[in-house]
């Protein structure tokens, strides 16, 4: 019997997007007879543990990322937290070194975990942020990020190389880089023809306190909405529970199968403009309305870009009113970006 190669898959715990876009990678690894071992922390760890209960899990040091309550303080808060983040990266480097030896790893796939790589086994970095937008310090943050990417054997970008694409300047460099592989839009979801059950689906996640601030406002606003609303709070808890509040059905979380059905049964989606959400909605060809996380340059850039291209409207968190959803009819919605990329071809590296 041929021994299965062990691949460590380590998504960053910053919202749920890094974890959810690793799901198709994990499924492909299992299908190709690899043995994935999942390494993360917090909500990302919990989510993947519910999706893959039979796989081996390892807990990594937490980056302890929290957002500022006001957008103008976002960069200041990230700078303030940077010693904590650098300390976590240092710890995860040490832990990765131990894991390569302890688990006899054959490869590593890190989704934005900066310290999870090894010179002893092939190491891959997944990111859509080749350029890290931080306002007037974008040149510096992008340069630093690209230096880290160079430590990996390959960098997989979940987008297409040419035009049109989904990530814009985030995921595309002016200079060519042989380490970059554009692997197409990654999504755990599939498009299905199902009857519409919900006029509106609301789905939110991300670091606190912004997740709860948005949730509080949207729970009030959706009570005024005419039509059935599905509200997924993105809180990964031990047990799934739901309640009915007037026309709004509220779930604490949904697994991938339930979410796939819910998205396909919904006419319109209201969410953050995180890149993984953009990937999912593009795969499903959905109409949406975005509320970017205040002060998060990446989400603001994506929301502005998609509105400019007449695809998806957006507004600032503090400005949102339920009536704004009526503007969606003037926008095209996200086109179905078909990806024919064979994920199994990537695994030849291992």
C-alpha atoms as a PDB file:
ATOM      1  CA  UNK A   1       0.000   0.000   0.000  1.00  0.00           C
ATOM      2  CA  UNK A   2       1.385   3.417  -1.023  1.00  0.00           C
ATOM      3  CA  UNK A   3       1.850   5.793   1.902  1.00  0.00           C
ATOM      4  CA  UNK A   4      -0.245   8.944   1.562  1.00  0.00           C
ATOM      5  CA  UNK A   5       1.725  12.191   1.432  1.00  0.00           C
ATOM      6  CA  UNK A   6       0.921  14.516   4.344  1.00  0.00           C
ATOM      7  CA  UNK A   7       0.158  18.135   3.484  1.00  0.00           C
ATOM      8  CA  UNK A   8      -0.318  20.795   6.163  1.00  0.00           C
ATOM      9  CA  UNK A   9      -3.098  23.241   5.189  1.00  0.00           C
ATOM     10  CA  UNK A  10      -2.985  26.398   7.321  1.00  0.00           C
ATOM     11  CA  UNK A  11      -5.533  29.214   6.767  1.00  0.00           C
ATOM     12  CA  UNK A  12      -5.309  32.535   8.602  1.00  0.00           C
ATOM     13  CA  UNK A  13      -8.056  33.179  11.155  1.00  0.00           C
ATOM     14  CA  UNK A  14      -9.122  36.639   9.933  1.00  0.00           C
ATOM     15  CA  UNK A  15     -12.818  36.463   9.143  1.00  0.00           C
ATOM     16  CA  UNK A  16     -13.873  33.115   7.647  1.00  0.00           C
ATOM     17  CA  UNK A  17     -12.794  33.688   4.040  1.00  0.00           C
ATOM     18  CA  UNK A  18      -9.314  32.171   4.284  1.00  0.00           C
ATOM     19  CA  UNK A  19     -10.763  29.002   5.818  1.00  0.00           C
ATOM     20  CA  UNK A  20     -13.685  28.655   3.403  1.00  0.00           C
ATOM     21  CA  UNK A  21     -11.578  29.061   0.273  1.00  0.00           C
ATOM     22  CA  UNK A  22      -9.300  26.270   1.543  1.00  0.00           C
ATOM     23  CA  UNK A  23     -12.290  23.872   1.418  1.00  0.00           C
ATOM     24  CA  UNK A  24     -12.000  23.163  -2.363  1.00  0.00           C
ATOM     25  CA  UNK A  25      -8.214  22.715  -1.898  1.00  0.00           C
ATOM     26  CA  UNK A  26      -8.807  20.220   0.942  1.00  0.00           C
ATOM     27  CA  UNK A  27     -11.436  18.337  -1.078  1.00  0.00           C
ATOM     28  CA  UNK A  28      -9.062  18.129  -4.060  1.00  0.00           C
ATOM     29  CA  UNK A  29      -6.192  16.891  -1.848  1.00  0.00           C
ATOM     30  CA  UNK A  30      -8.403  14.121  -0.432  1.00  0.00           C
ATOM     31  CA  UNK A  31      -9.594  13.185  -3.947  1.00  0.00           C
ATOM     32  CA  UNK A  32      -5.954  12.940  -5.102  1.00  0.00           C
ATOM     33  CA  UNK A  33      -5.118  10.578  -2.212  1.00  0.00           C
ATOM     34  CA  UNK A  34      -3.131  13.037  -0.087  1.00  0.00           C
ATOM     35  CA  UNK A  35      -3.568  13.239   3.682  1.00  0.00           C
ATOM     36  CA  UNK A  36      -4.335  16.866   4.598  1.00  0.00           C
ATOM     37  CA  UNK A  37      -3.666  18.034   8.156  1.00  0.00           C
ATOM     38  CA  UNK A  38      -5.417  21.292   9.086  1.00  0.00           C
ATOM     39  CA  UNK A  39      -3.618  23.935  11.166  1.00  0.00           C
ATOM     40  CA  UNK A  40      -5.324  27.140  12.324  1.00  0.00           C
ATOM     41  CA  UNK A  41      -6.959  28.797  15.340  1.00  0.00           C
ATOM     42  CA  UNK A  42     -10.206  30.401  16.490  1.00  0.00           C
ATOM     43  CA  UNK A  43     -13.254  30.571  14.214  1.00  0.00           C
ATOM     44  CA  UNK A  44     -11.350  29.271  11.159  1.00  0.00           C
ATOM     45  CA  UNK A  45     -10.290  26.173  13.132  1.00  0.00           C
ATOM     46  CA  UNK A  46     -13.865  25.598  14.366  1.00  0.00           C
ATOM     47  CA  UNK A  47     -15.397  26.006  10.906  1.00  0.00           C
ATOM     48  CA  UNK A  48     -13.035  23.533   9.229  1.00  0.00           C
ATOM     49  CA  UNK A  49     -13.422  21.099  12.126  1.00  0.00           C
ATOM     50  CA  UNK A  50     -17.170  20.997  11.383  1.00  0.00           C
ATOM     51  CA  UNK A  51     -16.515  20.546   7.634  1.00  0.00           C
ATOM     52  CA  UNK A  52     -13.824  17.856   7.999  1.00  0.00           C
ATOM     53  CA  UNK A  53     -14.380  16.088  11.357  1.00  0.00           C
ATOM     54  CA  UNK A  54     -12.324  13.052  10.273  1.00  0.00           C
ATOM     55  CA  UNK A  55      -9.117  14.973   9.506  1.00  0.00           C
ATOM     56  CA  UNK A  56      -6.260  15.648  11.910  1.00  0.00           C
ATOM     57  CA  UNK A  57      -6.124  19.176  13.373  1.00  0.00           C
ATOM     58  CA  UNK A  58      -3.324  21.232  14.908  1.00  0.00           C
ATOM     59  CA  UNK A  59      -3.818  24.540  16.724  1.00  0.00           C
ATOM     60  CA  UNK A  60      -1.515  27.417  15.748  1.00  0.00           C
ATOM     61  CA  UNK A  61      -0.768  30.636  17.702  1.00  0.00           C
ATOM     62  CA  UNK A  62      -3.436  33.302  17.249  1.00  0.00           C
ATOM     63  CA  UNK A  63      -2.689  36.644  15.557  1.00  0.00           C
ATOM     64  CA  UNK A  64      -5.351  38.104  17.935  1.00  0.00           C
ATOM     65  CA  UNK A  65      -6.607  40.488  15.248  1.00  0.00           C
ATOM     66  CA  UNK A  66      -9.257  42.984  16.358  1.00  0.00           C
ATOM     67  CA  UNK A  67     -10.495  45.944  14.351  1.00  0.00           C
ATOM     68  CA  UNK A  68     -10.842  49.510  15.542  1.00  0.00           C
ATOM     69  CA  UNK A  69     -14.385  50.730  16.176  1.00  0.00           C
ATOM     70  CA  UNK A  70     -13.830  53.763  13.935  1.00  0.00           C
ATOM     71  CA  UNK A  71     -12.572  53.523  10.357  1.00  0.00           C
ATOM     72  CA  UNK A  72     -10.091  56.388  10.793  1.00  0.00           C
ATOM     73  CA  UNK A  73      -8.325  54.382  13.538  1.00  0.00           C
ATOM     74  CA  UNK A  74      -7.979  51.187  11.487  1.00  0.00           C
ATOM     75  CA  UNK A  75      -4.346  51.666  10.451  1.00  0.00           C
ATOM     76  CA  UNK A  76      -3.367  52.956  13.896  1.00  0.00           C
ATOM     77  CA  UNK A  77      -4.957  49.880  15.533  1.00  0.00           C
ATOM     78  CA  UNK A  78      -3.122  47.531  13.137  1.00  0.00           C
ATOM     79  CA  UNK A  79       0.181  49.290  13.913  1.00  0.00           C
ATOM     80  CA  UNK A  80      -0.593  49.047  17.620  1.00  0.00           C
ATOM     81  CA  UNK A  81      -1.290  45.311  17.226  1.00  0.00           C
ATOM     82  CA  UNK A  82       1.730  44.643  14.980  1.00  0.00           C
ATOM     83  CA  UNK A  83       4.020  43.497  17.857  1.00  0.00           C
ATOM     84  CA  UNK A  84       1.345  40.861  18.759  1.00  0.00           C
ATOM     85  CA  UNK A  85       1.112  39.773  15.115  1.00  0.00           C
ATOM     86  CA  UNK A  86       4.920  39.592  14.723  1.00  0.00           C
ATOM     87  CA  UNK A  87       5.133  37.571  17.925  1.00  0.00           C
ATOM     88  CA  UNK A  88       2.479  35.134  16.633  1.00  0.00           C
ATOM     89  CA  UNK A  89       4.381  34.776  13.320  1.00  0.00           C
ATOM     90  CA  UNK A  90       7.565  34.002  15.251  1.00  0.00           C
ATOM     91  CA  UNK A  91       5.713  31.373  17.294  1.00  0.00           C
ATOM     92  CA  UNK A  92       4.077  29.784  14.251  1.00  0.00           C
ATOM     93  CA  UNK A  93       7.486  29.569  12.503  1.00  0.00           C
ATOM     94  CA  UNK A  94       8.795  27.610  15.493  1.00  0.00           C
ATOM     95  CA  UNK A  95       5.655  25.429  15.604  1.00  0.00           C
ATOM     96  CA  UNK A  96       5.863  24.741  11.849  1.00  0.00           C
ATOM     97  CA  UNK A  97       9.477  23.598  12.237  1.00  0.00           C
ATOM     98  CA  UNK A  98       8.328  21.164  14.952  1.00  0.00           C
ATOM     99  CA  UNK A  99       5.365  19.927  12.899  1.00  0.00           C
ATOM    100  CA  UNK A 100       7.484  19.186   9.802  1.00  0.00           C
ATOM    101  CA  UNK A 101       9.511  16.817  11.989  1.00  0.00           C
ATOM    102  CA  UNK A 102       6.761  15.445  14.278  1.00  0.00           C
ATOM    103  CA  UNK A 103       4.234  14.705  11.514  1.00  0.00           C
ATOM    104  CA  UNK A 104       6.763  13.862   8.771  1.00  0.00           C
ATOM    105  CA  UNK A 105       5.137  16.410   6.459  1.00  0.00           C
ATOM    106  CA  UNK A 106       5.584  16.257   2.679  1.00  0.00           C
ATOM    107  CA  UNK A 107       4.315  19.759   1.947  1.00  0.00           C
ATOM    108  CA  UNK A 108       2.711  22.940   3.265  1.00  0.00           C
ATOM    109  CA  UNK A 109      -0.121  25.116   1.943  1.00  0.00           C
ATOM    110  CA  UNK A 110      -0.452  28.376   3.882  1.00  0.00           C
ATOM    111  CA  UNK A 111      -3.343  30.722   3.207  1.00  0.00           C
ATOM    112  CA  UNK A 112      -1.925  34.060   4.361  1.00  0.00           C
ATOM    113  CA  UNK A 113      -0.203  32.644   7.471  1.00  0.00           C
ATOM    114  CA  UNK A 114       3.126  34.399   7.110  1.00  0.00           C
ATOM    115  CA  UNK A 115       5.233  32.084   9.278  1.00  0.00           C
ATOM    116  CA  UNK A 116       3.977  28.715   8.032  1.00  0.00           C
ATOM    117  CA  UNK A 117       6.683  27.571   5.604  1.00  0.00           C
ATOM    118  CA  UNK A 118       9.746  25.348   5.619  1.00  0.00           C
ATOM    119  CA  UNK A 119      12.935  24.980   3.615  1.00  0.00           C
ATOM    120  CA  UNK A 120      12.721  21.210   4.143  1.00  0.00           C
ATOM    121  CA  UNK A 121       9.423  20.618   2.295  1.00  0.00           C
ATOM    122  CA  UNK A 122       7.697  22.358  -0.671  1.00  0.00           C
ATOM    123  CA  UNK A 123       5.763  25.328   0.708  1.00  0.00           C
ATOM    124  CA  UNK A 124       2.931  27.228  -0.982  1.00  0.00           C
ATOM    125  CA  UNK A 125       1.413  30.593  -0.094  1.00  0.00           C
ATOM    126  CA  UNK A 126      -2.197  31.361  -1.116  1.00  0.00           C
ATOM    127  CA  UNK A 127      -3.084  35.047  -1.394  1.00  0.00           C
ATOM    128  CA  UNK A 128      -5.032  37.475  -3.555  1.00  0.00           C
ATOM    129  CA  UNK A 129      -3.072  40.368  -2.004  1.00  0.00           C
ATOM    130  CA  UNK A 130       0.171  40.663  -3.932  1.00  0.00           C
ATOM    131  CA  UNK A 131      -0.338  44.358  -3.286  1.00  0.00           C
ATOM    132  CA  UNK A 132      -1.487  45.127   0.273  1.00  0.00           C
ATOM    133  CA  UNK A 133      -3.502  48.341   0.280  1.00  0.00           C
ATOM    134  CA  UNK A 134      -2.836  50.559   3.316  1.00  0.00           C
ATOM    135  CA  UNK A 135      -3.448  54.060   1.959  1.00  0.00           C
ATOM    136  CA  UNK A 136      -0.288  56.179   1.700  1.00  0.00           C
ATOM    137  CA  UNK A 137       1.854  53.267   2.987  1.00  0.00           C
ATOM    138  CA  UNK A 138       0.694  50.806   0.283  1.00  0.00           C
ATOM    139  CA  UNK A 139       4.151  50.758  -1.369  1.00  0.00           C
ATOM    140  CA  UNK A 140       5.742  49.671   1.941  1.00  0.00           C
ATOM    141  CA  UNK A 141       3.149  47.050   2.975  1.00  0.00           C
ATOM    142  CA  UNK A 142       3.172  45.581  -0.567  1.00  0.00           C
ATOM    143  CA  UNK A 143       6.983  45.414  -0.641  1.00  0.00           C
ATOM    144  CA  UNK A 144       7.052  43.673   2.764  1.00  0.00           C
ATOM    145  CA  UNK A 145       4.369  41.167   1.720  1.00  0.00           C
ATOM    146  CA  UNK A 146       6.177  40.334  -1.518  1.00  0.00           C
ATOM    147  CA  UNK A 147       9.393  39.729   0.449  1.00  0.00           C
ATOM    148  CA  UNK A 148       7.573  37.167   2.599  1.00  0.00           C
ATOM    149  CA  UNK A 149       6.041  35.495  -0.490  1.00  0.00           C
ATOM    150  CA  UNK A 150       9.582  34.970  -1.869  1.00  0.00           C
ATOM    151  CA  UNK A 151      10.270  32.589   1.046  1.00  0.00           C
ATOM    152  CA  UNK A 152       7.714  30.144  -0.408  1.00  0.00           C
ATOM    153  CA  UNK A 153       8.263  27.834  -3.390  1.00  0.00           C
ATOM    154  CA  UNK A 154       5.047  28.932  -5.109  1.00  0.00           C
ATOM    155  CA  UNK A 155       2.326  31.542  -4.654  1.00  0.00           C
ATOM    156  CA  UNK A 156      -1.193  30.548  -5.723  1.00  0.00           C
ATOM    157  CA  UNK A 157      -3.521  33.450  -6.579  1.00  0.00           C
ATOM    158  CA  UNK A 158      -7.274  32.635  -6.613  1.00  0.00           C
ATOM    159  CA  UNK A 159      -8.061  34.662  -9.736  1.00  0.00           C
ATOM    160  CA  UNK A 160      -7.351  34.709 -13.464  1.00  0.00           C
ATOM    161  CA  UNK A 161      -4.164  36.255 -14.850  1.00  0.00           C
ATOM    162  CA  UNK A 162      -5.674  38.403 -17.598  1.00  0.00           C
ATOM    163  CA  UNK A 163      -8.657  40.724 -18.013  1.00  0.00           C
ATOM    164  CA  UNK A 164     -11.416  40.735 -16.884  1.00  0.00           C
ATOM    165  CA  UNK A 165     -10.470  39.599 -13.380  1.00  0.00           C
ATOM    166  CA  UNK A 166     -11.865  39.892  -9.860  1.00  0.00           C
ATOM    167  CA  UNK A 167      -8.991  41.178  -7.723  1.00  0.00           C
ATOM    168  CA  UNK A 168      -7.697  44.072  -9.891  1.00  0.00           C
ATOM    169  CA  UNK A 169      -4.435  45.596  -8.656  1.00  0.00           C
ATOM    170  CA  UNK A 170      -4.636  43.532  -5.433  1.00  0.00           C
ATOM    171  CA  UNK A 171      -3.783  40.312  -7.224  1.00  0.00           C
ATOM    172  CA  UNK A 172      -1.741  41.523 -10.196  1.00  0.00           C
ATOM    173  CA  UNK A 173       1.819  42.845 -10.414  1.00  0.00           C
ATOM    174  CA  UNK A 174       3.381  44.931 -13.155  1.00  0.00           C
ATOM    175  CA  UNK A 175       6.455  42.686 -13.238  1.00  0.00           C
ATOM    176  CA  UNK A 176       6.249  38.980 -14.060  1.00  0.00           C
ATOM    177  CA  UNK A 177       7.017  36.550 -11.266  1.00  0.00           C
ATOM    178  CA  UNK A 178       7.688  32.862 -12.084  1.00  0.00           C
ATOM    179  CA  UNK A 179       6.520  31.800  -8.594  1.00  0.00           C
ATOM    180  CA  UNK A 180       2.990  33.072  -9.242  1.00  0.00           C
ATOM    181  CA  UNK A 181       0.300  30.653 -10.376  1.00  0.00           C
ATOM    182  CA  UNK A 182      -3.192  31.971 -11.130  1.00  0.00           C
ATOM    183  CA  UNK A 183      -5.470  29.113 -10.115  1.00  0.00           C
ATOM    184  CA  UNK A 184      -8.842  30.617 -11.044  1.00  0.00           C
ATOM    185  CA  UNK A 185     -11.641  31.749  -8.706  1.00  0.00           C
ATOM    186  CA  UNK A 186     -11.716  29.362  -5.724  1.00  0.00           C
ATOM    187  CA  UNK A 187     -15.129  28.630  -4.248  1.00  0.00           C
ATOM    188  CA  UNK A 188     -16.589  25.836  -2.154  1.00  0.00           C
ATOM    189  CA  UNK A 189     -20.024  26.504  -3.744  1.00  0.00           C
ATOM    190  CA  UNK A 190     -21.744  25.304  -6.912  1.00  0.00           C
ATOM    191  CA  UNK A 191     -24.522  26.986  -8.862  1.00  0.00           C
ATOM    192  CA  UNK A 192     -27.878  25.161  -8.740  1.00  0.00           C
ATOM    193  CA  UNK A 193     -31.283  25.939 -10.205  1.00  0.00           C
ATOM    194  CA  UNK A 194     -33.491  26.088  -7.105  1.00  0.00           C
ATOM    195  CA  UNK A 195     -36.782  27.920  -6.484  1.00  0.00           C
ATOM    196  CA  UNK A 196     -36.380  31.273  -4.688  1.00  0.00           C
ATOM    197  CA  UNK A 197     -37.178  30.925  -0.968  1.00  0.00           C
ATOM    198  CA  UNK A 198     -35.633  34.170   0.321  1.00  0.00           C
ATOM    199  CA  UNK A 199     -35.858  37.608  -1.241  1.00  0.00           C
ATOM    200  CA  UNK A 200     -32.737  38.610   0.714  1.00  0.00           C
ATOM    201  CA  UNK A 201     -29.846  36.694   2.265  1.00  0.00           C
ATOM    202  CA  UNK A 202     -27.621  38.510   4.773  1.00  0.00           C
ATOM    203  CA  UNK A 203     -24.279  36.923   5.629  1.00  0.00           C
ATOM    204  CA  UNK A 204     -21.607  38.505   7.816  1.00  0.00           C
ATOM    205  CA  UNK A 205     -18.351  37.483   9.471  1.00  0.00           C
ATOM    206  CA  UNK A 206     -15.000  39.035  10.324  1.00  0.00           C
ATOM    207  CA  UNK A 207     -13.102  40.303  13.360  1.00  0.00           C
ATOM    208  CA  UNK A 208     -14.834  42.102  16.207  1.00  0.00           C
ATOM    209  CA  UNK A 209     -16.083  44.639  17.100  1.00  0.00           C
ATOM    210  CA  UNK A 210     -17.110  45.453  13.511  1.00  0.00           C
ATOM    211  CA  UNK A 211     -18.976  42.164  12.957  1.00  0.00           C
ATOM    212  CA  UNK A 212     -21.318  42.825  15.913  1.00  0.00           C
ATOM    213  CA  UNK A 213     -21.742  46.528  15.074  1.00  0.00           C
ATOM    214  CA  UNK A 214     -22.928  45.596  11.571  1.00  0.00           C
ATOM    215  CA  UNK A 215     -25.109  42.749  12.840  1.00  0.00           C
ATOM    216  CA  UNK A 216     -26.976  45.031  15.286  1.00  0.00           C
ATOM    217  CA  UNK A 217     -27.815  47.549  12.567  1.00  0.00           C
ATOM    218  CA  UNK A 218     -28.810  44.957   9.969  1.00  0.00           C
ATOM    219  CA  UNK A 219     -31.098  43.053  12.360  1.00  0.00           C
ATOM    220  CA  UNK A 220     -33.041  46.306  12.887  1.00  0.00           C
ATOM    221  CA  UNK A 221     -33.067  47.281   9.201  1.00  0.00           C
ATOM    222  CA  UNK A 222     -34.157  43.854   7.876  1.00  0.00           C
ATOM    223  CA  UNK A 223     -37.297  43.969  10.058  1.00  0.00           C
ATOM    224  CA  UNK A 224     -38.516  46.713   7.666  1.00  0.00           C
ATOM    225  CA  UNK A 225     -37.786  44.650   4.531  1.00  0.00           C
ATOM    226  CA  UNK A 226     -40.699  43.407   2.428  1.00  0.00           C
ATOM    227  CA  UNK A 227     -40.063  39.726   1.793  1.00  0.00           C
ATOM    228  CA  UNK A 228     -38.462  36.716   3.474  1.00  0.00           C
ATOM    229  CA  UNK A 229     -34.952  37.311   4.844  1.00  0.00           C
ATOM    230  CA  UNK A 230     -32.315  34.719   5.757  1.00  0.00           C
ATOM    231  CA  UNK A 231     -29.744  36.142   8.191  1.00  0.00           C
ATOM    232  CA  UNK A 232     -26.510  34.168   8.792  1.00  0.00           C
ATOM    233  CA  UNK A 233     -24.523  35.727  11.652  1.00  0.00           C
ATOM    234  CA  UNK A 234     -21.219  33.920  10.960  1.00  0.00           C
ATOM    235  CA  UNK A 235     -20.753  32.886  14.609  1.00  0.00           C
ATOM    236  CA  UNK A 236     -19.231  29.402  14.707  1.00  0.00           C
ATOM    237  CA  UNK A 237     -20.592  27.820  17.877  1.00  0.00           C
ATOM    238  CA  UNK A 238     -20.787  24.256  19.225  1.00  0.00           C
ATOM    239  CA  UNK A 239     -24.363  23.822  18.066  1.00  0.00           C
ATOM    240  CA  UNK A 240     -26.287  25.310  15.195  1.00  0.00           C
ATOM    241  CA  UNK A 241     -29.453  27.137  16.203  1.00  0.00           C
ATOM    242  CA  UNK A 242     -31.933  29.431  14.488  1.00  0.00           C
ATOM    243  CA  UNK A 243     -34.863  31.636  15.410  1.00  0.00           C
ATOM    244  CA  UNK A 244     -37.627  33.481  13.602  1.00  0.00           C
ATOM    245  CA  UNK A 245     -38.023  37.234  14.120  1.00  0.00           C
ATOM    246  CA  UNK A 246     -40.956  38.376  12.002  1.00  0.00           C
ATOM    247  CA  UNK A 247     -39.963  37.958   8.348  1.00  0.00           C
ATOM    248  CA  UNK A 248     -36.314  37.215   9.294  1.00  0.00           C
ATOM    249  CA  UNK A 249     -34.906  33.705   9.887  1.00  0.00           C
ATOM    250  CA  UNK A 250     -31.646  34.037  11.874  1.00  0.00           C
ATOM    251  CA  UNK A 251     -28.958  31.309  11.951  1.00  0.00           C
ATOM    252  CA  UNK A 252     -25.767  31.530  14.014  1.00  0.00           C
ATOM    253  CA  UNK A 253     -23.866  29.693  11.231  1.00  0.00           C
ATOM    254  CA  UNK A 254     -24.354  27.278   8.332  1.00  0.00           C
ATOM    255  CA  UNK A 255     -22.072  24.564   6.971  1.00  0.00           C
ATOM    256  CA  UNK A 256     -21.012  24.561   3.304  1.00  0.00           C
ATOM    257  CA  UNK A 257     -23.867  22.324   2.106  1.00  0.00           C
ATOM    258  CA  UNK A 258     -26.503  24.466   3.843  1.00  0.00           C
ATOM    259  CA  UNK A 259     -24.900  27.706   2.598  1.00  0.00           C
ATOM    260  CA  UNK A 260     -24.773  26.446  -0.975  1.00  0.00           C
ATOM    261  CA  UNK A 261     -28.508  25.708  -0.855  1.00  0.00           C
ATOM    262  CA  UNK A 262     -29.286  29.031   0.887  1.00  0.00           C
ATOM    263  CA  UNK A 263     -27.305  31.119  -1.640  1.00  0.00           C
ATOM    264  CA  UNK A 264     -29.015  29.359  -4.545  1.00  0.00           C
ATOM    265  CA  UNK A 265     -32.445  29.883  -2.944  1.00  0.00           C
ATOM    266  CA  UNK A 266     -31.844  33.616  -2.434  1.00  0.00           C
ATOM    267  CA  UNK A 267     -32.602  36.394  -4.899  1.00  0.00           C
ATOM    268  CA  UNK A 268     -30.194  38.997  -3.454  1.00  0.00           C
ATOM    269  CA  UNK A 269     -27.182  38.875  -1.102  1.00  0.00           C
ATOM    270  CA  UNK A 270     -26.144  41.551   1.403  1.00  0.00           C
ATOM    271  CA  UNK A 271     -22.641  41.095   2.808  1.00  0.00           C
ATOM    272  CA  UNK A 272     -19.134  42.424   3.381  1.00  0.00           C
ATOM    273  CA  UNK A 273     -17.016  42.880   0.252  1.00  0.00           C
ATOM    274  CA  UNK A 274     -14.376  40.353   1.349  1.00  0.00           C
ATOM    275  CA  UNK A 275     -12.578  38.721  -1.560  1.00  0.00           C
ATOM    276  CA  UNK A 276     -13.783  35.184  -0.760  1.00  0.00           C
ATOM    277  CA  UNK A 277     -17.387  36.427  -0.759  1.00  0.00           C
ATOM    278  CA  UNK A 278     -16.730  38.041  -4.165  1.00  0.00           C
ATOM    279  CA  UNK A 279     -15.383  34.666  -5.412  1.00  0.00           C
ATOM    280  CA  UNK A 280     -18.454  32.796  -4.109  1.00  0.00           C
ATOM    281  CA  UNK A 281     -20.928  35.264  -5.605  1.00  0.00           C
ATOM    282  CA  UNK A 282     -19.098  35.268  -8.956  1.00  0.00           C
ATOM    283  CA  UNK A 283     -19.276  31.456  -9.030  1.00  0.00           C
ATOM    284  CA  UNK A 284     -23.024  31.642  -8.372  1.00  0.00           C
ATOM    285  CA  UNK A 285     -23.636  34.605 -10.708  1.00  0.00           C
ATOM    286  CA  UNK A 286     -25.478  36.506  -7.948  1.00  0.00           C
ATOM    287  CA  UNK A 287     -26.752  40.055  -7.502  1.00  0.00           C
ATOM    288  CA  UNK A 288     -25.470  41.646  -4.295  1.00  0.00           C
ATOM    289  CA  UNK A 289     -25.066  44.760  -2.163  1.00  0.00           C
ATOM    290  CA  UNK A 290     -21.807  45.306  -0.252  1.00  0.00           C
ATOM    291  CA  UNK A 291     -20.944  47.012   3.032  1.00  0.00           C
ATOM    292  CA  UNK A 292     -17.125  47.015   3.364  1.00  0.00           C
ATOM    293  CA  UNK A 293     -15.550  46.778   6.816  1.00  0.00           C
ATOM    294  CA  UNK A 294     -14.806  50.379   7.901  1.00  0.00           C
ATOM    295  CA  UNK A 295     -11.167  51.290   7.322  1.00  0.00           C
ATOM    296  CA  UNK A 296     -10.254  47.988   5.648  1.00  0.00           C
ATOM    297  CA  UNK A 297      -8.634  49.229   2.456  1.00  0.00           C
ATOM    298  CA  UNK A 298      -8.917  45.912   0.596  1.00  0.00           C
ATOM    299  CA  UNK A 299     -12.688  45.609   1.069  1.00  0.00           C
ATOM    300  CA  UNK A 300     -13.194  49.306   0.278  1.00  0.00           C
ATOM    301  CA  UNK A 301     -11.130  48.958  -2.911  1.00  0.00           C
ATOM    302  CA  UNK A 302     -13.082  45.874  -4.076  1.00  0.00           C
ATOM    303  CA  UNK A 303     -16.450  47.524  -3.332  1.00  0.00           C
ATOM    304  CA  UNK A 304     -15.468  50.728  -5.174  1.00  0.00           C
ATOM    305  CA  UNK A 305     -14.082  48.786  -8.134  1.00  0.00           C
ATOM    306  CA  UNK A 306     -17.177  46.580  -8.529  1.00  0.00           C
ATOM    307  CA  UNK A 307     -19.539  49.572  -8.242  1.00  0.00           C
ATOM    308  CA  UNK A 308     -17.485  51.493 -10.827  1.00  0.00           C
ATOM    309  CA  UNK A 309     -17.810  48.525 -13.197  1.00  0.00           C
ATOM    310  CA  UNK A 310     -21.598  48.630 -12.678  1.00  0.00           C
ATOM    311  CA  UNK A 311     -21.612  45.138 -11.132  1.00  0.00           C
ATOM    312  CA  UNK A 312     -22.444  45.601  -7.413  1.00  0.00           C
ATOM    313  CA  UNK A 313     -23.462  48.743  -5.453  1.00  0.00           C
ATOM    314  CA  UNK A 314     -22.110  49.487  -1.967  1.00  0.00           C
ATOM    315  CA  UNK A 315     -22.300  52.001   0.861  1.00  0.00           C
ATOM    316  CA  UNK A 316     -20.444  52.841   4.079  1.00  0.00           C
ATOM    317  CA  UNK A 317     -21.494  50.930   7.177  1.00  0.00           C
ATOM    318  CA  UNK A 318     -22.813  53.986   9.019  1.00  0.00           C
ATOM    319  CA  UNK A 319     -24.908  55.086   6.007  1.00  0.00           C
ATOM    320  CA  UNK A 320     -26.809  51.850   5.327  1.00  0.00           C
ATOM    321  CA  UNK A 321     -30.589  51.931   5.115  1.00  0.00           C
ATOM    322  CA  UNK A 322     -32.669  49.005   3.842  1.00  0.00           C
ATOM    323  CA  UNK A 323     -34.153  51.171   1.036  1.00  0.00           C
ATOM    324  CA  UNK A 324     -30.688  51.249  -0.592  1.00  0.00           C
ATOM    325  CA  UNK A 325     -31.184  47.657  -1.757  1.00  0.00           C
ATOM    326  CA  UNK A 326     -33.560  48.973  -4.421  1.00  0.00           C
ATOM    327  CA  UNK A 327     -30.518  50.328  -6.332  1.00  0.00           C
ATOM    328  CA  UNK A 328     -29.353  46.758  -7.048  1.00  0.00           C
ATOM    329  CA  UNK A 329     -31.707  46.536 -10.035  1.00  0.00           C
ATOM    330  CA  UNK A 330     -29.524  49.129 -11.835  1.00  0.00           C
ATOM    331  CA  UNK A 331     -26.435  46.862 -11.584  1.00  0.00           C
ATOM    332  CA  UNK A 332     -25.485  43.765 -13.593  1.00  0.00           C
ATOM    333  CA  UNK A 333     -24.508  41.528 -10.661  1.00  0.00           C
ATOM    334  CA  UNK A 334     -21.429  39.335 -10.598  1.00  0.00           C
ATOM    335  CA  UNK A 335     -20.879  37.306 -13.752  1.00  0.00           C
ATOM    336  CA  UNK A 336     -20.175  33.617 -13.537  1.00  0.00           C
ATOM    337  CA  UNK A 337     -16.364  33.458 -13.850  1.00  0.00           C
ATOM    338  CA  UNK A 338     -15.884  29.878 -14.990  1.00  0.00           C
ATOM    339  CA  UNK A 339     -12.616  28.322 -13.903  1.00  0.00           C
ATOM    340  CA  UNK A 340     -11.349  25.297 -15.795  1.00  0.00           C
ATOM    341  CA  UNK A 341      -8.135  25.137 -13.782  1.00  0.00           C
ATOM    342  CA  UNK A 342      -7.284  21.620 -12.623  1.00  0.00           C
ATOM    343  CA  UNK A 343      -6.376  21.887  -8.929  1.00  0.00           C
ATOM    344  CA  UNK A 344      -4.818  18.416  -8.952  1.00  0.00           C
ATOM    345  CA  UNK A 345      -2.136  19.694 -11.394  1.00  0.00           C
ATOM    346  CA  UNK A 346      -0.896  22.036  -8.644  1.00  0.00           C
ATOM    347  CA  UNK A 347      -0.141  19.130  -6.334  1.00  0.00           C
ATOM    348  CA  UNK A 348       2.710  17.889  -8.570  1.00  0.00           C
ATOM    349  CA  UNK A 349       4.873  20.225  -6.489  1.00  0.00           C
ATOM    350  CA  UNK A 350       4.552  17.715  -3.626  1.00  0.00           C
END
